[in-house]
Amino acid sequence: MNWKHLLTICMLATSSSTLQAQSFESAREAVKNMGVGWNLGNTLEAHNQNTDQLDPTKNSYWGQQNLESETCWGQVYATPELMKMMKEAGFSAIRVPVTWYNHMNSDGTVNGGWMTRVKEVVGYVLSQGMYCIINVHHDTGADNNGSSYHWIKAQYSNYTSNKTRYENLWKQIATEFKDYDQKLLFESYNEMIDKYNSWSFASFNTTGRYKARDAADAYMAINAYAQSFVDVVRASGGNNGQRNLIVNTYAACCGSGTWNTHLKEPLTQLVLPKDKATGHLMVQVHDYPNIENGINNVKKDIDDMVAAWNTNFISKGIPMILGEWGTANVDKGDGKTDYDVRRDVMFQFVDYMIKKCKEYNVATFYWMGLTDGVFRISPVFNQPDLAQRIISAYYGSTSGFKFPTIASLGNTLNCLQNEKTISWGDGINISNAAFASFDKTVELELTYRVTSNSGQNIQFNDGSWTTFSSVIINGTAKGGTYNPNGTTGTTYTIKVSFNLTTYNTLCSKGLIIQGSNVTIIKAVLNGKIIAGINPIKVERTVNDGAIYNLKGQRVTNPQRGIFIKNGKKFVVK
């Protein structure tokens, strides 16, 4: 055996996934070392429920999806290259939300293929030397108009009914990762809310906006779920005896605001679990403030919020993370977000939020954005100036960090990660931001293979599933549905361009390509990149009223909760 082989063996023996003898840093040290983080949003936590299978007491509720769930909300499969880009941009930690119910049976036994995929993505993060958080995500959340149901709720009877299943789930997760090193953290549950779908505090969504008995019951359930989580993980062996663990407040509420006397209850009513390990627990909250009323009001709310964190946790030696943060998206009927219409205020908010969190050693994890949809394929940032602002706010500059943009790709953008056989209702999604990065001469190059001699269709829809009246195929105007009339097994390439009206719609809503008996092999946008760090000033004539819930279902009148518009998450409070 030569010295190179010996060195390789030694390195493997001390790799990040097998340091069982390592003495873990405390939760307080970990929070300081995380710096700034990012959420790999709408990816491993993405899920779709069949609307006739919403009852978790029935077997049909469980295990409804396969590995393709990772892309069912319009994102692409996570890659090592994406994590490398985030590391080189200055991010030191990645939160990887994971939903499990759609990949497990009724007793909580997880599908082996799904667990393997979760481990792959965790490996992408850890291989870059970043911290990684995994959790139980949309197994909790708000039920919506009879079209979704979450099996974990802040209700004590729900806890007693699901205790065995929940503990079995965490036993499997903990066992799979028990030998991973200190840079992997576990988060108990995401935004667990009560039977009334109440945000802000328990029982808010009731007549009179508060029911003391139901609120107390909800907080008792949160504390019970948190204790079960800690007990199961600690008992699973390996490095889990000292792994840093995260518990969330009710609904991950942050205590922000003074408009109701109960707003601080999610903080005051959280009881930190009893733990065999000392100094290895931390608390997580989320915050999406409305910045429309100006930066001074936002700063005041942040000051009040952080003071409450300090009173209830930090001053008592309990470290915290801001596991999700951003701004509440603007909902004016045109699909524009705060990043589009009040970026100056948004950036001031970013500066102040990170400054205050850093002052109290609170690690921050920005929710999604920055790089989104097809931009993750290359990968590049589609909001590079925002990424730079976050990093600069924490480090004082962006020196030494890299923020690749679409301009670095030349005049082309790959919009398809893997070849895909399209079908009706299951197509290829190219975001509005991708089209808005090019001028009106943009052209879509499609390479496809015909899989049947009959019924061949390629349909071009805007992002709200309305078929375009016209697109231009190889220089000839066609309807929104193209019939290839090709030969089975033969590969063809077409060039698709757009008139100004259609281009404006694409920049506002994006494009969905669906059809039948066709496999898309390649989808590339070609054209002139619009100058600037992030091109958003384009002609838009079509308002976007399409809003979707977190199940991917369209909602006409969103109530309180979290929704998706133009591929971006926003909060209705």
Protein backbone atom coordinates (compact mmCIF):
# COMPACT_ATOMS: atom_id res chain seq x y z
CA MET A 1 0.00 0.00 0.00
CA ASN A 2 1.53 3.33 -1.01
CA TRP A 3 1.29 6.53 1.03
CA LYS A 4 -1.43 8.02 -1.21
CA HIS A 5 -3.73 5.07 -0.57
CA LEU A 6 -3.00 5.25 3.14
CA LEU A 7 -3.78 8.97 3.19
CA THR A 8 -7.07 8.37 1.38
CA ILE A 9 -8.11 5.73 3.91
CA CYS A 10 -7.24 8.04 6.79
CA MET A 11 -9.27 10.87 5.26
CA LEU A 12 -12.28 8.63 4.75
CA ALA A 13 -12.02 7.39 8.31
CA THR A 14 -12.35 10.94 9.57
CA SER A 15 -14.91 12.18 7.07
CA SER A 16 -17.85 14.37 8.01
CA SER A 17 -20.23 11.43 8.14
CA THR A 18 -18.29 9.14 10.52
CA LEU A 19 -16.79 11.24 13.30
CA GLN A 20 -18.49 9.28 16.06
CA ALA A 21 -15.90 10.16 18.68
CA GLN A 22 -16.14 13.87 18.02
CA SER A 23 -17.07 16.24 20.81
CA PHE A 24 -19.85 18.37 19.38
CA GLU A 25 -19.89 22.13 19.64
CA SER A 26 -22.68 23.60 21.73
CA ALA A 27 -25.87 24.96 20.22
CA ARG A 28 -24.69 28.46 21.07
CA GLU A 29 -21.42 27.91 19.21
CA ALA A 30 -23.22 26.36 16.24
CA VAL A 31 -25.57 29.32 15.87
CA LYS A 32 -22.62 31.73 15.79
CA ASN A 33 -20.74 29.58 13.28
CA MET A 34 -23.70 29.23 10.91
CA GLY A 35 -23.42 32.87 9.82
CA VAL A 36 -26.04 33.38 7.12
CA GLY A 37 -28.08 30.57 5.61
CA TRP A 38 -30.58 29.83 2.86
CA ASN A 39 -33.62 27.58 2.48
CA LEU A 40 -33.69 25.03 -0.34
CA GLY A 41 -37.37 25.90 -0.67
CA ASN A 42 -40.19 24.18 -2.57
CA THR A 43 -37.97 21.17 -3.20
CA LEU A 44 -37.89 18.19 -0.83
CA GLU A 45 -40.90 19.60 1.02
CA ALA A 46 -43.00 19.96 -2.16
CA HIS A 47 -46.03 17.69 -2.25
CA ASN A 48 -49.43 17.26 -3.87
CA GLN A 49 -52.39 15.57 -2.21
CA ASN A 50 -55.17 13.90 -4.11
CA THR A 51 -58.26 15.83 -3.06
CA ASP A 52 -60.26 12.64 -2.48
CA GLN A 53 -57.59 11.19 -0.19
CA LEU A 54 -57.28 13.72 2.64
CA ASP A 55 -58.10 11.53 5.61
CA PRO A 56 -54.97 10.35 7.49
CA THR A 57 -57.01 7.61 9.19
CA LYS A 58 -57.14 5.89 5.80
CA ASN A 59 -54.23 4.20 4.07
CA SER A 60 -54.91 6.11 0.84
CA TYR A 61 -53.66 9.33 2.50
CA TRP A 62 -50.15 8.00 2.90
CA GLY A 63 -47.35 7.50 0.40
CA GLN A 64 -49.09 9.19 -2.54
CA GLN A 65 -45.95 10.25 -4.40
CA ASN A 66 -42.67 8.96 -5.72
CA LEU A 67 -39.34 10.79 -6.09
CA GLU A 68 -40.77 13.17 -8.68
CA SER A 69 -42.43 15.07 -5.82
CA GLU A 70 -39.20 17.06 -5.58
CA THR A 71 -40.16 18.96 -8.73
CA CYS A 72 -43.95 19.10 -8.37
CA TRP A 73 -43.93 22.77 -7.30
CA GLY A 74 -41.94 23.94 -10.30
CA GLN A 75 -38.42 23.64 -8.91
CA VAL A 76 -35.68 21.40 -10.28
CA TYR A 77 -33.80 18.55 -8.62
CA ALA A 78 -31.20 19.78 -6.12
CA THR A 79 -27.61 19.34 -7.29
CA PRO A 80 -24.11 19.48 -5.80
CA GLU A 81 -23.37 22.39 -8.15
CA LEU A 82 -26.15 24.46 -6.59
CA MET A 83 -24.74 23.92 -3.11
CA LYS A 84 -21.26 24.79 -4.33
CA MET A 85 -22.58 28.07 -5.72
CA MET A 86 -24.23 28.95 -2.41
CA LYS A 87 -21.04 28.19 -0.52
CA GLU A 88 -18.93 30.32 -2.86
CA ALA A 89 -21.44 33.15 -2.44
CA GLY A 90 -20.80 33.21 1.31
CA PHE A 91 -23.66 31.15 2.71
CA SER A 92 -22.54 28.86 5.53
CA ALA A 93 -25.73 26.92 6.24
CA ILE A 94 -28.61 25.41 4.28
CA ARG A 95 -32.00 24.48 5.69
CA VAL A 96 -33.44 21.56 3.72
CA PRO A 97 -37.19 21.32 4.41
CA VAL A 98 -38.52 17.78 3.96
CA THR A 99 -42.10 16.49 3.78
CA TRP A 100 -42.57 12.84 4.71
CA TYR A 101 -46.25 11.79 4.72
CA ASN A 102 -46.31 11.41 0.92
CA HIS A 103 -43.37 8.99 1.15
CA MET A 104 -44.35 6.83 4.13
CA ASN A 105 -47.07 4.42 5.12
CA SER A 106 -49.66 4.89 7.84
CA ASP A 107 -47.40 3.75 10.69
CA GLY A 108 -44.68 6.20 9.70
CA THR A 109 -42.38 3.81 7.85
CA VAL A 110 -40.49 5.85 5.26
CA ASN A 111 -39.94 4.67 1.69
CA GLY A 112 -36.30 3.67 1.30
CA GLY A 113 -35.86 5.52 -1.98
CA TRP A 114 -37.04 8.77 -0.41
CA MET A 115 -34.70 8.41 2.56
CA THR A 116 -31.84 7.79 0.13
CA ARG A 117 -32.70 10.96 -1.79
CA VAL A 118 -32.80 13.01 1.41
CA LYS A 119 -29.37 11.65 2.33
CA GLU A 120 -28.05 12.60 -1.12
CA VAL A 121 -29.15 16.21 -0.75
CA VAL A 122 -27.79 16.41 2.78
CA GLY A 123 -24.51 15.12 1.36
CA TYR A 124 -24.47 17.90 -1.23
CA VAL A 125 -24.60 20.46 1.58
CA LEU A 126 -22.16 18.83 3.97
CA SER A 127 -19.60 18.18 1.24
CA GLN A 128 -19.25 21.97 0.91
CA GLY A 129 -18.49 22.32 4.60
CA MET A 130 -21.82 24.04 5.28
CA TYR A 131 -24.24 23.34 8.11
CA CYS A 132 -27.39 21.46 7.12
CA ILE A 133 -30.79 21.37 8.83
CA ILE A 134 -33.43 18.76 7.98
CA ASN A 135 -36.91 18.68 9.44
CA VAL A 136 -40.49 17.43 9.30
CA HIS A 137 -42.01 20.18 7.18
CA HIS A 138 -45.41 20.10 5.43
CA ASP A 139 -46.62 17.24 7.55
CA THR A 140 -47.69 20.30 9.54
CA GLY A 141 -49.44 23.40 8.21
CA ALA A 142 -52.77 24.99 7.38
CA ASP A 143 -55.59 22.95 5.90
CA ASN A 144 -57.21 24.66 2.93
CA ASN A 145 -60.84 24.61 1.80
CA GLY A 146 -61.13 20.85 1.96
CA SER A 147 -58.29 20.41 -0.52
CA SER A 148 -55.47 19.65 1.91
CA TYR A 149 -55.00 18.11 5.31
CA HIS A 150 -51.95 17.94 7.57
CA TRP A 151 -51.62 15.05 9.98
CA ILE A 152 -49.64 16.89 12.67
CA LYS A 153 -51.53 19.63 14.52
CA ALA A 154 -51.11 21.71 17.64
CA GLN A 155 -53.87 19.85 19.42
CA TYR A 156 -53.23 17.50 22.31
CA SER A 157 -55.66 14.83 21.10
CA ASN A 158 -53.80 14.93 17.77
CA TYR A 159 -50.54 14.35 19.64
CA THR A 160 -51.87 11.33 21.52
CA SER A 161 -53.25 9.87 18.28
CA ASN A 162 -50.02 10.43 16.33
CA LYS A 163 -47.37 10.03 19.02
CA THR A 164 -46.33 6.53 17.92
CA ARG A 165 -46.27 7.47 14.24
CA TYR A 166 -44.34 10.71 14.85
CA GLU A 167 -41.79 8.99 17.07
CA ASN A 168 -41.37 6.18 14.55
CA LEU A 169 -40.69 8.73 11.82
CA TRP A 170 -38.05 10.51 13.87
CA LYS A 171 -36.50 7.21 14.97
CA GLN A 172 -35.88 6.33 11.33
CA ILE A 173 -34.48 9.75 10.46
CA ALA A 174 -32.25 9.79 13.51
CA THR A 175 -30.99 6.27 12.87
CA GLU A 176 -30.14 7.01 9.24
CA PHE A 177 -28.06 10.04 10.20
CA LYS A 178 -26.75 9.03 13.63
CA ASP A 179 -23.10 8.92 12.54
CA TYR A 180 -23.10 12.30 10.76
CA ASP A 181 -21.03 15.03 12.33
CA GLN A 182 -22.00 18.22 14.14
CA LYS A 183 -22.83 20.20 11.01
CA LEU A 184 -26.06 18.25 10.58
CA LEU A 185 -28.92 19.47 12.77
CA PHE A 186 -32.45 18.12 13.21
CA GLU A 187 -35.55 20.34 13.42
CA SER A 188 -38.58 18.86 15.17
CA TYR A 189 -41.44 20.20 13.00
CA ASN A 190 -42.08 23.24 10.85
CA GLU A 191 -45.07 25.56 11.34
CA MET A 192 -47.41 23.51 13.51
CA ILE A 193 -50.78 25.21 13.91
CA ASP A 194 -54.04 24.43 15.67
CA LYS A 195 -57.27 22.86 14.45
CA TYR A 196 -58.55 26.32 13.52
CA ASN A 197 -55.65 27.05 11.15
CA SER A 198 -54.60 29.96 13.35
CA TRP A 199 -51.50 31.99 12.61
CA SER A 200 -49.99 34.67 14.88
CA PHE A 201 -50.98 32.72 18.02
CA ALA A 202 -53.11 29.73 18.94
CA SER A 203 -56.91 30.11 18.52
CA PHE A 204 -56.55 33.40 16.62
CA ASN A 205 -58.75 32.13 13.79
CA THR A 206 -61.85 31.81 15.97
CA THR A 207 -64.81 34.00 16.81
CA GLY A 208 -63.52 36.63 19.18
CA ARG A 209 -59.95 35.87 18.03
CA TYR A 210 -59.08 33.92 21.19
CA LYS A 211 -60.21 30.87 23.14
CA ALA A 212 -58.06 30.40 26.23
CA ARG A 213 -58.76 26.69 26.67
CA ASP A 214 -58.03 25.83 23.04
CA ALA A 215 -54.91 28.00 23.03
CA ALA A 216 -53.58 26.24 26.13
CA ASP A 217 -54.32 22.88 24.52
CA ALA A 218 -52.39 23.88 21.39
CA TYR A 219 -49.34 25.00 23.35
CA MET A 220 -49.42 21.81 25.41
CA ALA A 221 -49.38 19.80 22.15
CA ILE A 222 -46.41 21.78 20.80
CA ASN A 223 -44.45 21.05 23.96
CA ALA A 224 -45.39 17.37 23.87
CA TYR A 225 -44.31 16.95 20.24
CA ALA A 226 -41.04 18.75 21.03
CA GLN A 227 -40.32 16.46 23.98
CA SER A 228 -41.03 13.33 21.94
CA PHE A 229 -38.67 14.57 19.25
CA VAL A 230 -35.80 15.12 21.70
CA ASP A 231 -36.37 11.83 23.51
CA VAL A 232 -36.39 9.75 20.32
CA VAL A 233 -33.33 11.39 18.81
CA ARG A 234 -31.27 11.10 22.00
CA ALA A 235 -32.17 7.41 22.34
CA SER A 236 -31.11 6.55 18.78
CA GLY A 237 -27.38 6.30 19.49
CA GLY A 238 -24.29 7.42 17.63
CA ASN A 239 -23.70 11.15 17.49
CA ASN A 240 -27.36 11.85 18.21
CA GLY A 241 -26.60 11.82 21.91
CA GLN A 242 -25.07 15.28 21.51
CA ARG A 243 -26.39 16.49 18.17
CA ASN A 244 -27.75 20.04 18.18
CA LEU A 245 -31.54 19.96 17.94
CA ILE A 246 -34.09 22.64 17.04
CA VAL A 247 -37.61 23.08 18.36
CA ASN A 248 -40.06 25.61 16.94
CA THR A 249 -42.57 27.85 18.63
CA TYR A 250 -46.26 27.52 17.82
CA ALA A 251 -46.54 28.11 14.04
CA ALA A 252 -42.88 29.23 14.25
CA CYS A 253 -44.36 32.56 15.37
CA CYS A 254 -41.76 35.19 16.20
CA GLY A 255 -43.67 37.39 18.65
CA SER A 256 -43.58 40.37 16.33
CA GLY A 257 -46.12 43.16 16.72
CA THR A 258 -48.11 44.86 19.45
CA TRP A 259 -51.58 44.81 17.89
CA ASN A 260 -52.78 41.95 20.13
CA THR A 261 -51.93 41.02 23.72
CA HIS A 262 -51.52 37.34 22.78
CA LEU A 263 -48.80 37.79 20.15
CA LYS A 264 -46.00 36.86 22.55
CA GLU A 265 -47.68 33.63 23.69
CA PRO A 266 -45.90 31.38 21.16
CA LEU A 267 -42.67 32.48 22.86
CA THR A 268 -43.81 32.49 26.47
CA GLN A 269 -45.68 29.18 26.23
CA LEU A 270 -42.89 27.17 24.65
CA VAL A 271 -41.33 24.88 27.24
CA LEU A 272 -37.84 23.81 26.27
CA PRO A 273 -37.75 19.99 26.30
CA LYS A 274 -35.91 18.14 29.02
CA ASP A 275 -32.67 16.92 27.49
CA LYS A 276 -30.03 14.42 28.57
CA ALA A 277 -27.47 16.51 26.70
CA THR A 278 -26.56 19.91 28.09
CA GLY A 279 -26.46 22.96 25.83
CA HIS A 280 -27.54 21.26 22.62
CA LEU A 281 -31.00 22.72 22.05
CA MET A 282 -32.02 25.86 20.15
CA VAL A 283 -35.31 27.57 19.29
CA GLN A 284 -36.49 28.56 15.80
CA VAL A 285 -38.94 31.23 14.64
CA HIS A 286 -39.94 32.65 11.23
CA ASP A 287 -40.68 36.22 10.17
CA TYR A 288 -42.23 37.75 7.02
CA PRO A 289 -42.99 41.41 7.80
CA ASN A 290 -44.99 43.74 5.61
CA ILE A 291 -42.59 46.45 4.45
CA GLU A 292 -45.17 48.43 2.51
CA ASN A 293 -45.56 50.95 5.33
CA GLY A 294 -41.92 51.96 5.27
CA ILE A 295 -38.62 51.00 6.84
CA ASN A 296 -39.12 52.87 10.13
CA ASN A 297 -42.15 50.79 11.06
CA VAL A 298 -40.31 47.62 10.08
CA LYS A 299 -37.31 48.54 12.23
CA LYS A 300 -39.60 49.20 15.18
CA ASP A 301 -41.20 45.76 14.79
CA ILE A 302 -37.80 44.09 14.51
CA ASP A 303 -36.59 45.82 17.67
CA ASP A 304 -39.70 44.70 19.55
CA MET A 305 -39.41 41.16 18.19
CA VAL A 306 -35.72 40.71 19.02
CA ALA A 307 -36.28 42.16 22.52
CA ALA A 308 -38.92 39.47 23.09
CA TRP A 309 -36.51 36.78 21.86
CA ASN A 310 -33.91 38.03 24.28
CA THR A 311 -36.33 38.11 27.21
CA ASN A 312 -37.69 34.62 26.66
CA PHE A 313 -34.69 32.70 25.31
CA ILE A 314 -31.37 34.36 24.52
CA SER A 315 -30.81 35.97 27.92
CA LYS A 316 -31.50 32.56 29.47
CA GLY A 317 -28.74 30.94 27.44
CA ILE A 318 -31.06 29.44 24.83
CA PRO A 319 -29.73 30.20 21.32
CA MET A 320 -32.05 30.92 18.41
CA ILE A 321 -32.24 30.78 14.64
CA LEU A 322 -34.48 32.71 12.28
CA GLY A 323 -35.22 29.67 10.15
CA GLU A 324 -37.27 31.49 7.51
CA TRP A 325 -37.37 35.18 6.77
CA GLY A 326 -38.12 37.56 3.94
CA THR A 327 -40.92 40.00 3.23
CA ALA A 328 -44.62 39.46 2.68
CA ASN A 329 -45.02 39.60 -1.09
CA VAL A 330 -46.98 42.45 -2.63
CA ASP A 331 -50.43 41.29 -3.79
CA LYS A 332 -51.73 44.07 -6.03
CA GLY A 333 -53.00 41.82 -8.82
CA ASP A 334 -49.96 42.17 -11.03
CA GLY A 335 -47.77 39.44 -9.56
CA LYS A 336 -45.01 41.80 -8.51
CA THR A 337 -43.15 41.20 -5.24
CA ASP A 338 -41.38 43.56 -2.86
CA TYR A 339 -38.21 42.76 -4.75
CA ASP A 340 -39.82 44.20 -7.87
CA VAL A 341 -41.58 47.29 -6.60
CA ARG A 342 -39.82 48.48 -3.43
CA ARG A 343 -36.37 47.00 -3.60
CA ASP A 344 -34.77 49.96 -1.84
CA VAL A 345 -36.92 49.43 1.27
CA MET A 346 -36.42 45.67 1.04
CA PHE A 347 -32.65 46.07 1.05
CA GLN A 348 -32.82 48.41 4.04
CA PHE A 349 -34.90 45.75 5.77
CA VAL A 350 -32.29 43.11 4.92
CA ASP A 351 -29.52 45.26 6.36
CA TYR A 352 -31.37 45.90 9.60
CA MET A 353 -32.66 42.37 10.12
CA ILE A 354 -29.23 40.82 9.71
CA LYS A 355 -27.61 43.50 11.87
CA LYS A 356 -29.99 42.86 14.76
CA CYS A 357 -29.79 39.09 14.46
CA LYS A 358 -26.00 39.16 14.34
CA GLU A 359 -25.96 41.40 17.41
CA TYR A 360 -27.78 38.65 19.35
CA ASN A 361 -26.01 35.74 17.62
CA VAL A 362 -29.19 34.61 15.84
CA ALA A 363 -28.46 32.70 12.62
CA THR A 364 -30.64 33.69 9.67
CA PHE A 365 -31.95 31.49 6.83
CA TYR A 366 -33.44 33.44 3.91
CA TRP A 367 -36.52 31.80 2.42
CA MET A 368 -35.97 30.63 -1.13
CA GLY A 369 -35.58 33.35 -3.75
CA LEU A 370 -32.04 34.34 -4.78
CA THR A 371 -31.86 31.41 -7.20
CA ASP A 372 -35.14 29.95 -8.32
CA GLY A 373 -36.62 27.50 -10.81
CA VAL A 374 -34.63 27.05 -14.02
CA PHE A 375 -31.87 29.33 -12.71
CA ARG A 376 -30.90 26.51 -10.34
CA ILE A 377 -30.06 24.27 -13.30
CA SER A 378 -26.98 26.20 -14.44
CA PRO A 379 -26.82 27.29 -11.55
CA VAL A 380 -26.91 31.10 -11.37
CA PHE A 381 -28.58 33.72 -9.20
CA ASN A 382 -31.69 35.40 -10.57
CA GLN A 383 -31.61 37.84 -7.62
CA PRO A 384 -27.84 38.34 -7.34
CA ASP A 385 -28.08 41.84 -5.89
CA LEU A 386 -30.25 40.54 -3.05
CA ALA A 387 -27.80 37.70 -2.39
CA GLN A 388 -24.98 40.24 -2.32
CA ARG A 389 -26.93 42.47 0.05
CA ILE A 390 -27.45 39.62 2.51
CA ILE A 391 -23.79 38.66 2.47
CA SER A 392 -22.59 42.25 2.70
CA ALA A 393 -24.92 42.96 5.62
CA TYR A 394 -23.34 40.11 7.56
CA TYR A 395 -19.68 40.28 6.53
CA GLY A 396 -19.40 43.99 5.78
CA SER A 397 -18.48 43.39 2.15
CA THR A 398 -18.77 40.79 -0.61
CA SER A 399 -15.02 40.58 -1.21
CA GLY A 400 -13.93 37.07 -2.11
CA PHE A 401 -17.44 35.79 -2.77
CA LYS A 402 -18.94 34.86 -6.14
CA PHE A 403 -22.42 35.64 -7.46
CA PRO A 404 -22.79 34.15 -10.95
CA THR A 405 -25.62 35.57 -13.05
CA ILE A 406 -27.33 34.65 -16.28
CA ALA A 407 -24.99 37.09 -18.04
CA SER A 408 -22.13 34.71 -17.30
CA LEU A 409 -23.84 32.07 -19.45
CA GLY A 410 -23.70 34.15 -22.61
CA ASN A 411 -26.96 34.59 -24.47
CA THR A 412 -28.49 31.27 -23.52
CA LEU A 413 -30.28 29.66 -20.57
CA ASN A 414 -30.87 25.93 -20.17
CA CYS A 415 -34.46 25.41 -18.98
CA LEU A 416 -34.60 21.60 -18.79
CA GLN A 417 -32.63 19.59 -16.26
CA ASN A 418 -33.51 16.10 -17.52
CA GLU A 419 -35.50 14.95 -20.52
CA LYS A 420 -39.20 14.78 -19.75
CA THR A 421 -42.17 13.04 -21.30
CA ILE A 422 -44.87 15.68 -21.11
CA SER A 423 -48.54 15.00 -20.52
CA TRP A 424 -51.67 17.01 -19.88
CA GLY A 425 -51.33 18.67 -16.50
CA ASP A 426 -47.71 17.56 -16.16
CA GLY A 427 -45.42 19.71 -18.21
CA ILE A 428 -42.29 21.84 -18.16
CA ASN A 429 -42.39 25.10 -16.24
CA ILE A 430 -40.21 28.03 -17.35
CA SER A 431 -40.55 30.97 -14.97
CA ASN A 432 -41.46 34.52 -15.91
CA ALA A 433 -38.07 35.66 -14.52
CA ALA A 434 -36.33 33.53 -17.12
CA PHE A 435 -38.12 35.27 -20.00
CA ALA A 436 -37.69 38.68 -18.35
CA SER A 437 -33.93 38.15 -18.49
CA PHE A 438 -34.07 38.39 -22.30
CA ASP A 439 -35.34 41.09 -24.62
CA LYS A 440 -38.36 40.58 -26.88
CA THR A 441 -36.34 38.71 -29.53
CA VAL A 442 -35.97 35.73 -27.18
CA GLU A 443 -36.38 32.33 -28.84
CA LEU A 444 -37.11 28.94 -27.29
CA GLU A 445 -35.28 26.03 -28.89
CA LEU A 446 -37.07 22.73 -28.28
CA THR A 447 -35.65 19.34 -29.13
CA TYR A 448 -38.14 16.50 -28.74
CA ARG A 449 -38.65 12.85 -29.57
CA VAL A 450 -41.98 11.52 -30.83
CA THR A 451 -43.20 8.50 -28.84
CA SER A 452 -46.34 7.63 -30.82
CA ASN A 453 -47.53 8.06 -34.40
CA SER A 454 -50.87 9.46 -33.22
CA GLY A 455 -52.06 12.16 -30.84
CA GLN A 456 -48.85 14.18 -30.86
CA ASN A 457 -49.28 17.56 -29.18
CA ILE A 458 -47.11 20.29 -27.70
CA GLN A 459 -49.19 22.97 -26.01
CA PHE A 460 -47.87 26.34 -24.87
CA ASN A 461 -49.66 27.77 -21.81
CA ASP A 462 -48.99 30.84 -19.75
CA GLY A 463 -48.20 30.33 -16.07
CA SER A 464 -51.89 30.23 -15.14
CA TRP A 465 -52.65 27.36 -17.59
CA THR A 466 -54.25 29.53 -20.29
CA THR A 467 -53.25 28.42 -23.78
CA PHE A 468 -51.62 31.08 -25.92
CA SER A 469 -53.63 32.03 -28.99
CA SER A 470 -50.46 32.19 -31.07
CA VAL A 471 -46.80 31.27 -31.05
CA ILE A 472 -44.34 31.32 -33.93
CA ILE A 473 -42.89 27.91 -34.88
CA ASN A 474 -39.88 27.98 -37.21
CA GLY A 475 -40.93 31.39 -38.42
CA THR A 476 -44.61 30.56 -39.03
CA ALA A 477 -47.41 31.73 -36.74
CA LYS A 478 -49.27 28.79 -35.17
CA GLY A 479 -51.93 28.36 -32.53
CA GLY A 480 -51.03 27.63 -28.93
CA THR A 481 -51.13 23.90 -29.64
CA TYR A 482 -48.55 22.48 -32.05
CA ASN A 483 -49.04 19.10 -33.76
CA PRO A 484 -45.63 17.70 -34.76
CA ASN A 485 -46.96 14.98 -37.11
CA GLY A 486 -43.65 13.20 -36.66
CA THR A 487 -42.47 9.60 -36.85
CA THR A 488 -42.26 7.49 -33.69
CA GLY A 489 -38.73 7.39 -32.30
CA THR A 490 -37.55 10.33 -34.40
CA THR A 491 -35.97 13.42 -32.85
CA TYR A 492 -36.85 16.92 -34.06
CA THR A 493 -35.87 20.48 -33.19
CA ILE A 494 -38.13 23.50 -33.49
CA LYS A 495 -37.53 27.18 -32.74
CA VAL A 496 -40.34 28.98 -30.96
CA SER A 497 -40.57 32.78 -30.93
CA PHE A 498 -43.24 35.18 -29.73
CA ASN A 499 -44.98 38.39 -30.68
CA LEU A 500 -44.78 41.33 -28.28
CA THR A 501 -48.08 40.60 -26.55
CA THR A 502 -47.11 37.00 -25.89
CA TYR A 503 -43.63 38.05 -24.79
CA ASN A 504 -45.10 40.44 -22.24
CA THR A 505 -47.32 37.66 -20.90
CA LEU A 506 -44.33 35.34 -20.63
CA CYS A 507 -42.45 37.99 -18.64
CA SER A 508 -45.42 38.29 -16.31
CA LYS A 509 -46.64 34.69 -16.01
CA GLY A 510 -44.01 32.37 -17.43
CA LEU A 511 -44.56 29.35 -19.67
CA ILE A 512 -45.87 25.82 -19.18
CA ILE A 513 -45.24 23.28 -21.92
CA GLN A 514 -47.54 20.27 -21.81
CA GLY A 515 -48.85 17.81 -24.37
CA SER A 516 -48.95 14.15 -25.29
CA ASN A 517 -46.82 11.46 -26.96
CA VAL A 518 -43.75 13.68 -26.96
CA THR A 519 -40.58 13.60 -24.86
CA ILE A 520 -38.78 16.93 -24.55
CA ILE A 521 -35.01 16.39 -24.69
CA LYS A 522 -33.82 19.99 -24.69
CA ALA A 523 -35.38 23.37 -23.86
CA VAL A 524 -33.10 26.38 -24.18
CA LEU A 525 -33.80 30.10 -24.26
CA ASN A 526 -31.62 32.04 -26.69
CA GLY A 527 -31.48 35.77 -27.26
CA LYS A 528 -30.09 39.03 -26.01
CA ILE A 529 -29.64 39.23 -22.26
CA ILE A 530 -31.10 42.45 -20.88
CA ALA A 531 -28.31 44.53 -19.35
CA GLY A 532 -28.15 45.01 -15.61
CA ILE A 533 -27.55 42.88 -12.56
CA ASN A 534 -31.14 41.64 -12.59
CA PRO A 535 -33.34 42.58 -15.52
CA ILE A 536 -36.92 43.24 -14.45
CA LYS A 537 -37.95 46.35 -16.41
CA VAL A 538 -39.88 44.87 -19.30
CA GLU A 539 -43.21 45.67 -20.90
CA ARG A 540 -46.00 43.88 -19.08
CA THR A 541 -49.57 44.20 -20.23
CA VAL A 542 -51.17 41.17 -18.57
CA ASN A 543 -52.00 41.11 -14.87
CA ASP A 544 -51.39 37.84 -13.05
CA GLY A 545 -54.22 36.78 -10.76
CA ALA A 546 -53.11 33.15 -10.37
CA ILE A 547 -52.48 32.18 -6.74
CA TYR A 548 -51.78 28.63 -5.57
CA ASN A 549 -51.78 27.06 -2.14
CA LEU A 550 -48.93 24.93 -0.87
CA LYS A 551 -50.53 21.88 -2.53
CA GLY A 552 -50.21 23.47 -5.98
CA GLN A 553 -53.97 24.07 -6.18
CA ARG A 554 -55.34 27.37 -7.46
CA VAL A 555 -56.98 29.65 -4.87
CA THR A 556 -59.27 32.53 -5.84
CA ASN A 557 -59.61 34.14 -2.41
CA PRO A 558 -56.58 33.35 -0.23
CA GLN A 559 -57.18 33.61 3.49
CA ARG A 560 -54.51 33.69 6.18
CA GLY A 561 -51.56 31.47 5.42
CA ILE A 562 -48.76 30.85 2.96
CA PHE A 563 -49.35 30.81 -0.80
CA ILE A 564 -47.38 30.76 -4.05
CA LYS A 565 -47.57 33.31 -6.84
CA ASN A 566 -45.25 33.32 -9.87
CA GLY A 567 -43.21 30.62 -8.16
CA LYS A 568 -42.65 32.73 -5.05
CA LYS A 569 -43.87 32.19 -1.52
CA PHE A 570 -45.94 34.93 0.15
CA VAL A 571 -47.85 35.28 3.37
CA VAL A 572 -51.41 36.50 3.88
CA LYS A 573 -51.78 37.73 7.45
